[in-house]
PDB file of N, CA and C in Angstrom:
ATOM      1  N   GLN A   1      89.258 110.696  71.641  1.00  0.00           N
ATOM      2  CA  GLN A   1      88.631 111.313  72.742  1.00  0.00           C
ATOM      3  C   GLN A   1      87.333 110.337  73.094  1.00  0.00           C
ATOM      4  N   VAL A   2      87.280 110.411  74.572  1.00  0.00           N
ATOM      5  CA  VAL A   2      85.937 109.715  75.238  1.00  0.00           C
ATOM      6  C   VAL A   2      85.561 110.510  76.228  1.00  0.00           C
ATOM      7  N   GLN A   3      84.278 110.636  76.417  1.00  0.00           N
ATOM      8  CA  GLN A   3      83.608 111.341  77.309  1.00  0.00           C
ATOM      9  C   GLN A   3      82.964 110.157  78.378  1.00  0.00           C
ATOM     10  N   LEU A   4      83.230 110.493  79.740  1.00  0.00           N
ATOM     11  CA  LEU A   4      82.783 109.620  80.559  1.00  0.00           C
ATOM     12  C   LEU A   4      81.921 110.271  81.587  1.00  0.00           C
ATOM     13  N   VAL A   5      80.710 109.601  81.760  1.00  0.00           N
ATOM     14  CA  VAL A   5      79.603 110.078  82.707  1.00  0.00           C
ATOM     15  C   VAL A   5      79.141 109.149  83.806  1.00  0.00           C
ATOM     16  N   GLU A   6      79.551 109.407  85.030  1.00  0.00           N
ATOM     17  CA  GLU A   6      79.150 108.531  86.144  1.00  0.00           C
ATOM     18  C   GLU A   6      77.747 108.698  86.593  1.00  0.00           C
ATOM     19  N   SER A   7      77.167 107.772  87.099  1.00  0.00           N
ATOM     20  CA  SER A   7      75.695 107.950  87.739  1.00  0.00           C
ATOM     21  C   SER A   7      75.700 106.798  88.865  1.00  0.00           C
ATOM     22  N   GLY A   8      74.620 106.937  89.735  1.00  0.00           N
ATOM     23  CA  GLY A   8      74.275 105.913  90.561  1.00  0.00           C
ATOM     24  C   GLY A   8      74.789 106.365  92.141  1.00  0.00           C
ATOM     25  N   GLY A   9      75.493 107.200  92.354  1.00  0.00           N
ATOM     26  CA  GLY A   9      75.997 107.534  93.535  1.00  0.00           C
ATOM     27  C   GLY A   9      74.657 108.082  94.556  1.00  0.00           C
ATOM     28  N   GLY A  10      74.923 108.103  95.821  1.00  0.00           N
ATOM     29  CA  GLY A  10      73.719 108.554  96.633  1.00  0.00           C
ATOM     30  C   GLY A  10      74.078 108.236  98.133  1.00  0.00           C
ATOM     31  N   LEU A  11      73.213 108.444  98.961  1.00  0.00           N
ATOM     32  CA  LEU A  11      73.168 108.118 100.225  1.00  0.00           C
ATOM     33  C   LEU A  11      72.651 106.857 100.721  1.00  0.00           C
ATOM     34  N   VAL A  12      73.379 106.097 101.475  1.00  0.00           N
ATOM     35  CA  VAL A  12      72.951 104.816 101.879  1.00  0.00           C
ATOM     36  C   VAL A  12      73.556 104.465 103.319  1.00  0.00           C
ATOM     37  N   GLN A  13      72.698 103.673 103.883  1.00  0.00           N
ATOM     38  CA  GLN A  13      73.339 103.159 105.372  1.00  0.00           C
ATOM     39  C   GLN A  13      74.304 102.195 105.183  1.00  0.00           C
ATOM     40  N   ALA A  14      75.066 102.061 106.325  1.00  0.00           N
ATOM     41  CA  ALA A  14      76.071 101.024 106.439  1.00  0.00           C
ATOM     42  C   ALA A  14      75.556  99.640 106.131  1.00  0.00           C
ATOM     43  N   GLY A  15      76.154  99.016 105.401  1.00  0.00           N
ATOM     44  CA  GLY A  15      75.655  97.539 104.908  1.00  0.00           C
ATOM     45  C   GLY A  15      74.785  97.381 103.565  1.00  0.00           C
ATOM     46  N   GLY A  16      74.493  98.494 103.238  1.00  0.00           N
ATOM     47  CA  GLY A  16      73.505  98.541 102.153  1.00  0.00           C
ATOM     48  C   GLY A  16      74.437  98.512 100.853  1.00  0.00           C
ATOM     49  N   SER A  17      73.741  98.642  99.698  1.00  0.00           N
ATOM     50  CA  SER A  17      74.352  98.516  98.423  1.00  0.00           C
ATOM     51  C   SER A  17      73.938  99.639  97.571  1.00  0.00           C
ATOM     52  N   LEU A  18      75.096  99.917  96.491  1.00  0.00           N
ATOM     53  CA  LEU A  18      74.928 100.799  95.398  1.00  0.00           C
ATOM     54  C   LEU A  18      75.477 100.268  94.133  1.00  0.00           C
ATOM     55  N   ARG A  19      75.110 100.741  92.988  1.00  0.00           N
ATOM     56  CA  ARG A  19      75.602 100.260  91.750  1.00  0.00           C
ATOM     57  C   ARG A  19      75.871 101.537  90.973  1.00  0.00           C
ATOM     58  N   LEU A  20      77.136 101.713  90.750  1.00  0.00           N
ATOM     59  CA  LEU A  20      77.538 102.775  90.003  1.00  0.00           C
ATOM     60  C   LEU A  20      77.743 102.498  88.480  1.00  0.00           C
ATOM     61  N   SER A  21      77.264 103.441  87.680  1.00  0.00           N
ATOM     62  CA  SER A  21      77.500 103.329  86.286  1.00  0.00           C
ATOM     63  C   SER A  21      78.475 104.202  85.486  1.00  0.00           C
ATOM     64  N   CYS A  22      79.064 103.747  84.559  1.00  0.00           N
ATOM     65  CA  CYS A  22      79.802 104.886  83.963  1.00  0.00           C
ATOM     66  C   CYS A  22      79.672 104.735  82.411  1.00  0.00           C
ATOM     67  N   ALA A  23      78.888 105.840  81.914  1.00  0.00           N
ATOM     68  CA  ALA A  23      78.643 105.550  80.295  1.00  0.00           C
ATOM     69  C   ALA A  23      79.757 106.377  79.675  1.00  0.00           C
ATOM     70  N   ALA A  24      80.039 105.713  78.498  1.00  0.00           N
ATOM     71  CA  ALA A  24      81.210 106.330  77.640  1.00  0.00           C
ATOM     72  C   ALA A  24      80.613 106.516  76.372  1.00  0.00           C
ATOM     73  N   SER A  25      81.107 107.845  75.839  1.00  0.00           N
ATOM     74  CA  SER A  25      80.820 108.109  74.339  1.00  0.00           C
ATOM     75  C   SER A  25      82.254 108.491  73.582  1.00  0.00           C
ATOM     76  N   GLY A  26      82.066 108.302  72.442  1.00  0.00           N
ATOM     77  CA  GLY A  26      83.043 108.772  71.841  1.00  0.00           C
ATOM     78  C   GLY A  26      83.776 107.524  70.947  1.00  0.00           C
ATOM     79  N   ARG A  27      85.122 107.264  71.023  1.00  0.00           N
ATOM     80  CA  ARG A  27      85.850 106.166  70.245  1.00  0.00           C
ATOM     81  C   ARG A  27      85.488 104.790  70.985  1.00  0.00           C
ATOM     82  N   THR A  28      85.829 103.772  70.177  1.00  0.00           N
ATOM     83  CA  THR A  28      85.317 102.356  70.475  1.00  0.00           C
ATOM     84  C   THR A  28      85.698 101.994  71.951  1.00  0.00           C
ATOM     85  N   PHE A  29      84.512 101.861  72.775  1.00  0.00           N
ATOM     86  CA  PHE A  29      84.810 101.669  74.290  1.00  0.00           C
ATOM     87  C   PHE A  29      85.732 100.322  74.555  1.00  0.00           C
ATOM     88  N   SER A  30      85.725  99.349  73.625  1.00  0.00           N
ATOM     89  CA  SER A  30      86.442  98.338  73.932  1.00  0.00           C
ATOM     90  C   SER A  30      87.806  98.395  73.605  1.00  0.00           C
ATOM     91  N   SER A  31      88.205  99.644  73.190  1.00  0.00           N
ATOM     92  CA  SER A  31      89.571 100.072  73.058  1.00  0.00           C
ATOM     93  C   SER A  31      90.309 100.421  74.364  1.00  0.00           C
ATOM     94  N   TYR A  32      89.465 100.588  75.411  1.00  0.00           N
ATOM     95  CA  TYR A  32      89.803 101.166  76.837  1.00  0.00           C
ATOM     96  C   TYR A  32      89.712 100.152  77.832  1.00  0.00           C
ATOM     97  N   ALA A  33      90.632  99.908  78.592  1.00  0.00           N
ATOM     98  CA  ALA A  33      90.764  99.545  79.874  1.00  0.00           C
ATOM     99  C   ALA A  33      90.011 100.505  80.941  1.00  0.00           C
ATOM    100  N   MET A  34      89.325  99.952  81.849  1.00  0.00           N
ATOM    101  CA  MET A  34      88.501 101.016  82.751  1.00  0.00           C
ATOM    102  C   MET A  34      88.786 100.999  84.368  1.00  0.00           C
ATOM    103  N   GLY A  35      88.806 101.791  84.852  1.00  0.00           N
ATOM    104  CA  GLY A  35      89.134 101.946  86.251  1.00  0.00           C
ATOM    105  C   GLY A  35      88.068 102.595  87.049  1.00  0.00           C
ATOM    106  N   TRP A  36      87.998 102.252  88.266  1.00  0.00           N
ATOM    107  CA  TRP A  36      87.177 103.265  89.302  1.00  0.00           C
ATOM    108  C   TRP A  36      88.281 103.569  90.224  1.00  0.00           C
ATOM    109  N   PHE A  37      88.338 104.962  90.756  1.00  0.00           N
ATOM    110  CA  PHE A  37      89.081 105.589  91.607  1.00  0.00           C
ATOM    111  C   PHE A  37      88.018 106.264  92.670  1.00  0.00           C
ATOM    112  N   ARG A  38      88.464 106.604  93.797  1.00  0.00           N
ATOM    113  CA  ARG A  38      87.735 107.416  94.656  1.00  0.00           C
ATOM    114  C   ARG A  38      88.570 108.347  95.425  1.00  0.00           C
ATOM    115  N   GLN A  39      87.951 109.535  95.951  1.00  0.00           N
ATOM    116  CA  GLN A  39      88.536 110.532  96.813  1.00  0.00           C
ATOM    117  C   GLN A  39      87.835 110.822  97.688  1.00  0.00           C
ATOM    118  N   ALA A  40      88.157 110.706  99.153  1.00  0.00           N
ATOM    119  CA  ALA A  40      87.488 111.174 100.158  1.00  0.00           C
ATOM    120  C   ALA A  40      88.073 112.594 100.568  1.00  0.00           C
ATOM    121  N   PRO A  41      87.038 113.239 101.470  1.00  0.00           N
ATOM    122  CA  PRO A  41      87.679 114.828 101.729  1.00  0.00           C
ATOM    123  C   PRO A  41      88.978 114.765 102.391  1.00  0.00           C
ATOM    124  N   GLY A  42      89.783 115.477 102.030  1.00  0.00           N
ATOM    125  CA  GLY A  42      90.941 115.547 102.848  1.00  0.00           C
ATOM    126  C   GLY A  42      92.117 114.388 102.278  1.00  0.00           C
ATOM    127  N   LYS A  43      91.680 113.580 101.510  1.00  0.00           N
ATOM    128  CA  LYS A  43      92.696 112.390 101.184  1.00  0.00           C
ATOM    129  C   LYS A  43      92.987 112.372  99.663  1.00  0.00           C
ATOM    130  N   ALA A  44      93.955 111.564  99.289  1.00  0.00           N
ATOM    131  CA  ALA A  44      94.609 111.408  97.935  1.00  0.00           C
ATOM    132  C   ALA A  44      93.441 110.315  97.369  1.00  0.00           C
ATOM    133  N   ARG A  45      93.425 110.583  96.148  1.00  0.00           N
ATOM    134  CA  ARG A  45      92.620 109.721  95.067  1.00  0.00           C
ATOM    135  C   ARG A  45      93.233 108.244  95.387  1.00  0.00           C
ATOM    136  N   GLU A  46      92.379 107.197  95.416  1.00  0.00           N
ATOM    137  CA  GLU A  46      92.840 106.012  95.551  1.00  0.00           C
ATOM    138  C   GLU A  46      92.174 104.918  94.472  1.00  0.00           C
ATOM    139  N   PHE A  47      92.791 103.866  94.288  1.00  0.00           N
ATOM    140  CA  PHE A  47      92.318 102.803  93.258  1.00  0.00           C
ATOM    141  C   PHE A  47      91.361 102.155  94.140  1.00  0.00           C
ATOM    142  N   VAL A  48      90.156 101.898  93.279  1.00  0.00           N
ATOM    143  CA  VAL A  48      89.196 101.140  93.701  1.00  0.00           C
ATOM    144  C   VAL A  48      89.115  99.563  93.023  1.00  0.00           C
ATOM    145  N   ALA A  49      88.967  99.661  91.692  1.00  0.00           N
ATOM    146  CA  ALA A  49      88.860  98.453  90.917  1.00  0.00           C
ATOM    147  C   ALA A  49      89.221  98.914  89.320  1.00  0.00           C
ATOM    148  N   ALA A  50      89.438  97.901  88.740  1.00  0.00           N
ATOM    149  CA  ALA A  50      89.675  98.173  87.426  1.00  0.00           C
ATOM    150  C   ALA A  50      89.381  96.769  86.458  1.00  0.00           C
ATOM    151  N   ILE A  51      89.081  97.035  85.232  1.00  0.00           N
ATOM    152  CA  ILE A  51      88.824  95.880  84.249  1.00  0.00           C
ATOM    153  C   ILE A  51      89.393  96.005  83.010  1.00  0.00           C
ATOM    154  N   SER A  52      89.844  94.875  82.469  1.00  0.00           N
ATOM    155  CA  SER A  52      90.459  94.867  81.315  1.00  0.00           C
ATOM    156  C   SER A  52      89.695  95.034  80.033  1.00  0.00           C
ATOM    157  N   TRP A  53      90.060  95.189  78.795  1.00  0.00           N
ATOM    158  CA  TRP A  53      89.548  95.658  77.565  1.00  0.00           C
ATOM    159  C   TRP A  53      88.299  94.759  77.418  1.00  0.00           C
ATOM    160  N   SER A  54      88.579  93.577  77.569  1.00  0.00           N
ATOM    161  CA  SER A  54      87.514  92.656  77.121  1.00  0.00           C
ATOM    162  C   SER A  54      86.573  92.237  78.344  1.00  0.00           C
ATOM    163  N   GLY A  55      87.133  92.607  79.449  1.00  0.00           N
ATOM    164  CA  GLY A  55      86.385  92.327  80.614  1.00  0.00           C
ATOM    165  C   GLY A  55      86.786  90.900  81.314  1.00  0.00           C
ATOM    166  N   GLY A  56      87.801  90.301  80.871  1.00  0.00           N
ATOM    167  CA  GLY A  56      88.362  88.959  81.226  1.00  0.00           C
ATOM    168  C   GLY A  56      89.337  89.086  82.395  1.00  0.00           C
ATOM    169  N   ASN A  57      89.667  90.285  82.664  1.00  0.00           N
ATOM    170  CA  ASN A  57      90.654  90.481  84.053  1.00  0.00           C
ATOM    171  C   ASN A  57      90.106  91.542  84.741  1.00  0.00           C
ATOM    172  N   THR A  58      89.757  91.321  86.033  1.00  0.00           N
ATOM    173  CA  THR A  58      89.555  92.339  86.888  1.00  0.00           C
ATOM    174  C   THR A  58      90.533  92.438  88.145  1.00  0.00           C
ATOM    175  N   TYR A  59      90.712  93.847  88.722  1.00  0.00           N
ATOM    176  CA  TYR A  59      91.469  94.049  89.880  1.00  0.00           C
ATOM    177  C   TYR A  59      90.960  94.838  90.887  1.00  0.00           C
ATOM    178  N   TYR A  60      91.363  94.544  92.173  1.00  0.00           N
ATOM    179  CA  TYR A  60      90.546  95.278  93.281  1.00  0.00           C
ATOM    180  C   TYR A  60      91.546  95.667  94.371  1.00  0.00           C
ATOM    181  N   ALA A  61      91.263  96.724  94.794  1.00  0.00           N
ATOM    182  CA  ALA A  61      91.939  97.215  95.999  1.00  0.00           C
ATOM    183  C   ALA A  61      91.608  96.192  97.288  1.00  0.00           C
ATOM    184  N   ASP A  62      92.598  96.113  98.144  1.00  0.00           N
ATOM    185  CA  ASP A  62      92.318  95.200  99.054  1.00  0.00           C
ATOM    186  C   ASP A  62      91.002  95.464 100.126  1.00  0.00           C
ATOM    187  N   SER A  63      90.851  96.879 100.205  1.00  0.00           N
ATOM    188  CA  SER A  63      89.787  97.336 101.105  1.00  0.00           C
ATOM    189  C   SER A  63      88.538  97.113 100.581  1.00  0.00           C
ATOM    190  N   VAL A  64      88.431  96.715  99.169  1.00  0.00           N
ATOM    191  CA  VAL A  64      86.938  96.452  98.722  1.00  0.00           C
ATOM    192  C   VAL A  64      86.788  95.258  98.171  1.00  0.00           C
ATOM    193  N   LYS A  65      87.965  94.267  98.249  1.00  0.00           N
ATOM    194  CA  LYS A  65      87.800  92.900  97.551  1.00  0.00           C
ATOM    195  C   LYS A  65      86.861  92.075  98.331  1.00  0.00           C
ATOM    196  N   GLY A  66      85.909  91.465  97.811  1.00  0.00           N
ATOM    197  CA  GLY A  66      84.964  90.559  98.294  1.00  0.00           C
ATOM    198  C   GLY A  66      83.541  91.529  98.571  1.00  0.00           C
ATOM    199  N   ARG A  67      83.696  92.676  98.306  1.00  0.00           N
ATOM    200  CA  ARG A  67      82.564  93.548  98.516  1.00  0.00           C
ATOM    201  C   ARG A  67      82.175  94.305  97.441  1.00  0.00           C
ATOM    202  N   PHE A  68      83.127  94.785  96.537  1.00  0.00           N
ATOM    203  CA  PHE A  68      82.698  95.533  94.986  1.00  0.00           C
ATOM    204  C   PHE A  68      83.052  94.573  94.087  1.00  0.00           C
ATOM    205  N   THR A  69      82.254  94.667  92.899  1.00  0.00           N
ATOM    206  CA  THR A  69      82.497  93.953  91.743  1.00  0.00           C
ATOM    207  C   THR A  69      82.418  94.836  90.590  1.00  0.00           C
ATOM    208  N   ILE A  70      83.492  94.811  89.804  1.00  0.00           N
ATOM    209  CA  ILE A  70      83.491  95.686  88.407  1.00  0.00           C
ATOM    210  C   ILE A  70      83.090  94.705  87.442  1.00  0.00           C
ATOM    211  N   SER A  71      82.413  95.406  86.462  1.00  0.00           N
ATOM    212  CA  SER A  71      81.864  94.745  85.308  1.00  0.00           C
ATOM    213  C   SER A  71      81.867  95.600  84.130  1.00  0.00           C
ATOM    214  N   ARG A  72      81.651  95.316  82.775  1.00  0.00           N
ATOM    215  CA  ARG A  72      81.568  96.182  81.891  1.00  0.00           C
ATOM    216  C   ARG A  72      80.658  95.542  80.630  1.00  0.00           C
ATOM    217  N   ASP A  73      79.984  96.220  79.870  1.00  0.00           N
ATOM    218  CA  ASP A  73      79.044  95.648  78.854  1.00  0.00           C
ATOM    219  C   ASP A  73      79.615  96.706  77.740  1.00  0.00           C
ATOM    220  N   ASN A  74      80.279  95.998  76.809  1.00  0.00           N
ATOM    221  CA  ASN A  74      80.958  96.743  75.738  1.00  0.00           C
ATOM    222  C   ASN A  74      79.755  96.996  74.589  1.00  0.00           C
ATOM    223  N   ALA A  75      78.755  96.259  74.483  1.00  0.00           N
ATOM    224  CA  ALA A  75      77.762  96.770  73.552  1.00  0.00           C
ATOM    225  C   ALA A  75      76.952  97.988  74.040  1.00  0.00           C
ATOM    226  N   LYS A  76      77.009  98.159  75.370  1.00  0.00           N
ATOM    227  CA  LYS A  76      76.279  99.418  75.922  1.00  0.00           C
ATOM    228  C   LYS A  76      77.323 100.479  76.391  1.00  0.00           C
ATOM    229  N   ASN A  77      78.660 100.238  76.129  1.00  0.00           N
ATOM    230  CA  ASN A  77      79.650 101.356  76.400  1.00  0.00           C
ATOM    231  C   ASN A  77      79.505 101.797  77.869  1.00  0.00           C
ATOM    232  N   THR A  78      79.388 100.926  78.604  1.00  0.00           N
ATOM    233  CA  THR A  78      79.180 100.987  80.149  1.00  0.00           C
ATOM    234  C   THR A  78      80.050 100.201  80.878  1.00  0.00           C
ATOM    235  N   VAL A  79      80.670 100.869  81.972  1.00  0.00           N
ATOM    236  CA  VAL A  79      81.175  99.889  83.198  1.00  0.00           C
ATOM    237  C   VAL A  79      80.488 100.235  84.326  1.00  0.00           C
ATOM    238  N   TYR A  80      80.309  99.152  85.203  1.00  0.00           N
ATOM    239  CA  TYR A  80      79.466  99.200  86.379  1.00  0.00           C
ATOM    240  C   TYR A  80      80.585  98.832  87.678  1.00  0.00           C
ATOM    241  N   LEU A  81      80.159  99.429  88.911  1.00  0.00           N
ATOM    242  CA  LEU A  81      80.632  98.960  89.900  1.00  0.00           C
ATOM    243  C   LEU A  81      79.554  98.855  91.038  1.00  0.00           C
ATOM    244  N   GLN A  82      79.489  97.397  91.181  1.00  0.00           N
ATOM    245  CA  GLN A  82      78.465  97.111  92.265  1.00  0.00           C
ATOM    246  C   GLN A  82      79.243  97.210  93.407  1.00  0.00           C
ATOM    247  N   MET A  83      78.479  97.932  94.517  1.00  0.00           N
ATOM    248  CA  MET A  83      79.007  97.925  95.861  1.00  0.00           C
ATOM    249  C   MET A  83      78.067  97.390  96.839  1.00  0.00           C
ATOM    250  N   ASN A  84      78.526  96.346  97.510  1.00  0.00           N
ATOM    251  CA  ASN A  84      77.735  95.791  98.601  1.00  0.00           C
ATOM    252  C   ASN A  84      78.496  95.855  99.875  1.00  0.00           C
ATOM    253  N   SER A  85      77.742  95.792 100.999  1.00  0.00           N
ATOM    254  CA  SER A  85      78.315  95.757 102.444  1.00  0.00           C
ATOM    255  C   SER A  85      79.008  97.024 102.711  1.00  0.00           C
ATOM    256  N   LEU A  86      78.389  98.175 102.146  1.00  0.00           N
ATOM    257  CA  LEU A  86      79.153  99.550 102.230  1.00  0.00           C
ATOM    258  C   LEU A  86      79.512  99.918 103.670  1.00  0.00           C
ATOM    259  N   LYS A  87      80.584 100.488 103.803  1.00  0.00           N
ATOM    260  CA  LYS A  87      80.854 101.020 105.160  1.00  0.00           C
ATOM    261  C   LYS A  87      81.088 102.628 105.036  1.00  0.00           C
ATOM    262  N   PRO A  88      81.073 103.058 106.148  1.00  0.00           N
ATOM    263  CA  PRO A  88      81.278 104.682 106.500  1.00  0.00           C
ATOM    264  C   PRO A  88      82.535 105.096 105.501  1.00  0.00           C
ATOM    265  N   GLU A  89      83.476 104.144 105.817  1.00  0.00           N
ATOM    266  CA  GLU A  89      84.882 104.630 105.173  1.00  0.00           C
ATOM    267  C   GLU A  89      84.996 104.593 103.584  1.00  0.00           C
ATOM    268  N   ASP A  90      83.823 104.007 102.977  1.00  0.00           N
ATOM    269  CA  ASP A  90      83.641 104.122 101.585  1.00  0.00           C
ATOM    270  C   ASP A  90      83.338 105.442 101.026  1.00  0.00           C
ATOM    271  N   THR A  91      82.676 106.121 102.027  1.00  0.00           N
ATOM    272  CA  THR A  91      82.183 107.528 101.586  1.00  0.00           C
ATOM    273  C   THR A  91      83.430 108.167 100.740  1.00  0.00           C
ATOM    274  N   ALA A  92      83.025 108.734  99.735  1.00  0.00           N
ATOM    275  CA  ALA A  92      84.060 109.431  98.809  1.00  0.00           C
ATOM    276  C   ALA A  92      83.410 109.910  97.472  1.00  0.00           C
ATOM    277  N   VAL A  93      83.935 110.537  96.650  1.00  0.00           N
ATOM    278  CA  VAL A  93      83.555 110.628  95.394  1.00  0.00           C
ATOM    279  C   VAL A  93      84.166 109.717  94.241  1.00  0.00           C
ATOM    280  N   TYR A  94      83.452 108.996  93.480  1.00  0.00           N
ATOM    281  CA  TYR A  94      83.741 108.022  92.923  1.00  0.00           C
ATOM    282  C   TYR A  94      84.092 108.378  91.397  1.00  0.00           C
ATOM    283  N   TYR A  95      85.155 108.132  90.724  1.00  0.00           N
ATOM    284  CA  TYR A  95      85.505 108.509  89.305  1.00  0.00           C
ATOM    285  C   TYR A  95      85.774 107.372  88.609  1.00  0.00           C
ATOM    286  N   CYS A  96      85.083 107.376  87.213  1.00  0.00           N
ATOM    287  CA  CYS A  96      85.571 106.326  86.505  1.00  0.00           C
ATOM    288  C   CYS A  96      86.721 106.919  85.431  1.00  0.00           C
ATOM    289  N   ALA A  97      87.432 105.932  84.949  1.00  0.00           N
ATOM    290  CA  ALA A  97      88.621 106.555  84.145  1.00  0.00           C
ATOM    291  C   ALA A  97      88.661 105.491  83.152  1.00  0.00           C
ATOM    292  N   ALA A  98      89.415 105.930  81.981  1.00  0.00           N
ATOM    293  CA  ALA A  98      89.802 105.114  80.872  1.00  0.00           C
ATOM    294  C   ALA A  98      91.068 105.353  80.305  1.00  0.00           C
ATOM    295  N   VAL A  99      91.732 103.985  79.945  1.00  0.00           N
ATOM    296  CA  VAL A  99      93.071 104.070  79.477  1.00  0.00           C
ATOM    297  C   VAL A  99      92.954 103.179  78.180  1.00  0.00           C
ATOM    298  N   GLY A 100      93.758 103.663  77.206  1.00  0.00           N
ATOM    299  CA  GLY A 100      94.139 102.894  76.012  1.00  0.00           C
ATOM    300  C   GLY A 100      95.002 101.649  76.027  1.00  0.00           C
ATOM    301  N   SER A 101      96.062 101.906  75.535  1.00  0.00           N
ATOM    302  CA  SER A 101      97.117 101.065  75.580  1.00  0.00           C
ATOM    303  C   SER A 101      98.525 101.684  76.042  1.00  0.00           C
ATOM    304  N   PRO A 102      98.548 101.790  77.317  1.00  0.00           N
ATOM    305  CA  PRO A 102      99.900 102.632  77.754  1.00  0.00           C
ATOM    306  C   PRO A 102     101.185 101.773  77.358  1.00  0.00           C
ATOM    307  N   PHE A 103     102.102 102.866  77.211  1.00  0.00           N
ATOM    308  CA  PHE A 103     103.543 102.361  76.856  1.00  0.00           C
ATOM    309  C   PHE A 103     104.056 101.684  78.024  1.00  0.00           C
ATOM    310  N   GLY A 104     104.593 100.650  77.684  1.00  0.00           N
ATOM    311  CA  GLY A 104     105.223  99.856  78.806  1.00  0.00           C
ATOM    312  C   GLY A 104     104.093  98.869  79.648  1.00  0.00           C
ATOM    313  N   GLY A 105     102.915  98.956  79.281  1.00  0.00           N
ATOM    314  CA  GLY A 105     102.059  98.057  79.762  1.00  0.00           C
ATOM    315  C   GLY A 105     100.902  98.750  80.817  1.00  0.00           C
ATOM    316  N   TRP A 106      99.909  98.009  81.111  1.00  0.00           N
ATOM    317  CA  TRP A 106      99.033  98.834  81.859  1.00  0.00           C
ATOM    318  C   TRP A 106      99.274  98.344  83.330  1.00  0.00           C
ATOM    319  N   ALA A 107      99.220  99.347  84.416  1.00  0.00           N
ATOM    320  CA  ALA A 107      99.315  99.017  85.741  1.00  0.00           C
ATOM    321  C   ALA A 107      97.851  99.469  86.023  1.00  0.00           C
ATOM    322  N   PRO A 108      96.981  98.786  86.643  1.00  0.00           N
ATOM    323  CA  PRO A 108      95.477  99.120  86.946  1.00  0.00           C
ATOM    324  C   PRO A 108      95.413  99.931  87.886  1.00  0.00           C
ATOM    325  N   GLY A 109      96.356 100.147  88.812  1.00  0.00           N
ATOM    326  CA  GLY A 109      96.087 100.788  90.036  1.00  0.00           C
ATOM    327  C   GLY A 109      96.905 102.307  89.847  1.00  0.00           C
ATOM    328  N   HIS A 110      97.409 102.677  88.809  1.00  0.00           N
ATOM    329  CA  HIS A 110      98.150 103.908  88.579  1.00  0.00           C
ATOM    330  C   HIS A 110      97.248 104.740  87.875  1.00  0.00           C
ATOM    331  N   SER A 111      96.845 105.706  88.764  1.00  0.00           N
ATOM    332  CA  SER A 111      95.954 106.609  87.951  1.00  0.00           C
ATOM    333  C   SER A 111      96.518 107.607  87.167  1.00  0.00           C
ATOM    334  N   TYR A 112      97.878 107.779  87.156  1.00  0.00           N
ATOM    335  CA  TYR A 112      98.523 108.578  86.171  1.00  0.00           C
ATOM    336  C   TYR A 112      98.418 107.926  84.734  1.00  0.00           C
ATOM    337  N   GLN A 113      98.322 106.739  84.562  1.00  0.00           N
ATOM    338  CA  GLN A 113      98.167 106.213  83.369  1.00  0.00           C
ATOM    339  C   GLN A 113      96.801 106.304  82.542  1.00  0.00           C
ATOM    340  N   TYR A 114      95.768 106.754  83.239  1.00  0.00           N
ATOM    341  CA  TYR A 114      94.471 106.904  82.645  1.00  0.00           C
ATOM    342  C   TYR A 114      94.529 108.108  82.043  1.00  0.00           C
ATOM    343  N   ASP A 115      93.805 108.109  80.907  1.00  0.00           N
ATOM    344  CA  ASP A 115      93.583 109.551  79.812  1.00  0.00           C
ATOM    345  C   ASP A 115      92.651 110.308  80.069  1.00  0.00           C
ATOM    346  N   TYR A 116      91.432 109.591  80.456  1.00  0.00           N
ATOM    347  CA  TYR A 116      90.181 110.259  80.558  1.00  0.00           C
ATOM    348  C   TYR A 116      89.385 109.801  81.945  1.00  0.00           C
ATOM    349  N   TRP A 117      88.865 111.064  82.228  1.00  0.00           N
ATOM    350  CA  TRP A 117      88.095 110.755  83.446  1.00  0.00           C
ATOM    351  C   TRP A 117      86.795 111.291  83.562  1.00  0.00           C
ATOM    352  N   GLY A 118      85.807 110.939  84.109  1.00  0.00           N
ATOM    353  CA  GLY A 118      84.461 111.454  84.413  1.00  0.00           C
ATOM    354  C   GLY A 118      84.668 112.431  85.563  1.00  0.00           C
ATOM    355  N   GLN A 119      83.417 113.013  85.733  1.00  0.00           N
ATOM    356  CA  GLN A 119      83.155 114.249  86.798  1.00  0.00           C
ATOM    357  C   GLN A 119      82.868 113.761  88.135  1.00  0.00           C
ATOM    358  N   GLY A 120      82.696 112.511  88.227  1.00  0.00           N
ATOM    359  CA  GLY A 120      82.558 111.882  89.617  1.00  0.00           C
ATOM    360  C   GLY A 120      81.192 112.017  90.172  1.00  0.00           C
ATOM    361  N   THR A 121      80.856 111.009  91.126  1.00  0.00           N
ATOM    362  CA  THR A 121      79.543 110.793  91.591  1.00  0.00           C
ATOM    363  C   THR A 121      79.789 110.564  93.161  1.00  0.00           C
ATOM    364  N   GLN A 122      78.971 111.297  94.059  1.00  0.00           N
ATOM    365  CA  GLN A 122      79.230 111.107  95.387  1.00  0.00           C
ATOM    366  C   GLN A 122      78.446 110.008  96.111  1.00  0.00           C
ATOM    367  N   VAL A 123      79.317 109.326  96.864  1.00  0.00           N
ATOM    368  CA  VAL A 123      78.634 108.058  97.581  1.00  0.00           C
ATOM    369  C   VAL A 123      78.948 108.396  99.049  1.00  0.00           C
ATOM    370  N   THR A 124      77.829 108.407  99.784  1.00  0.00           N
ATOM    371  CA  THR A 124      77.751 108.674 101.293  1.00  0.00           C
ATOM    372  C   THR A 124      77.198 107.549 101.986  1.00  0.00           C
ATOM    373  N   VAL A 125      77.966 106.954 102.942  1.00  0.00           N
ATOM    374  CA  VAL A 125      77.525 105.984 103.667  1.00  0.00           C
ATOM    375  C   VAL A 125      77.362 106.359 105.017  1.00  0.00           C
ATOM    376  N   SER A 126      76.354 106.182 105.813  1.00  0.00           N
ATOM    377  CA  SER A 126      75.861 106.621 106.998  1.00  0.00           C
ATOM    378  C   SER A 126      76.162 105.541 108.048  1.00  0.00           C
ATOM    379  N   SER A 127      76.521 105.824 109.176  1.00  0.00           N
ATOM    380  CA  SER A 127      76.611 104.812 110.164  1.00  0.00           C
ATOM    381  C   SER A 127      75.503 104.465 110.868  1.00  0.00           C
TER     382      SER A 127
END
């Protein structure tokens, strides 16, 4: 079992930056690949970014590539999402999620593979 708590959301103007954090407690953090997903009002949850167990591989949705950076600090049991050049369409609740070693291999963008989810943090980008 692992518990995830996101923080760092808020209100920012377009073009601004935010850094989200997701602190994990419970079992060994490095045993989990981590992902960030988001859900805007009236829309389905969508993949944002993911990072492998050691942090050596990262993955991004096309919509955030070049603007967002995912990283992790296994010593601090924390994963981060640095968001730059924010746009109004980035407005959503952002969730971090953890996955162990899924059968058949890890598909970073597939939310159904993730075993644990945080409660979410609201990000609002004003135009």
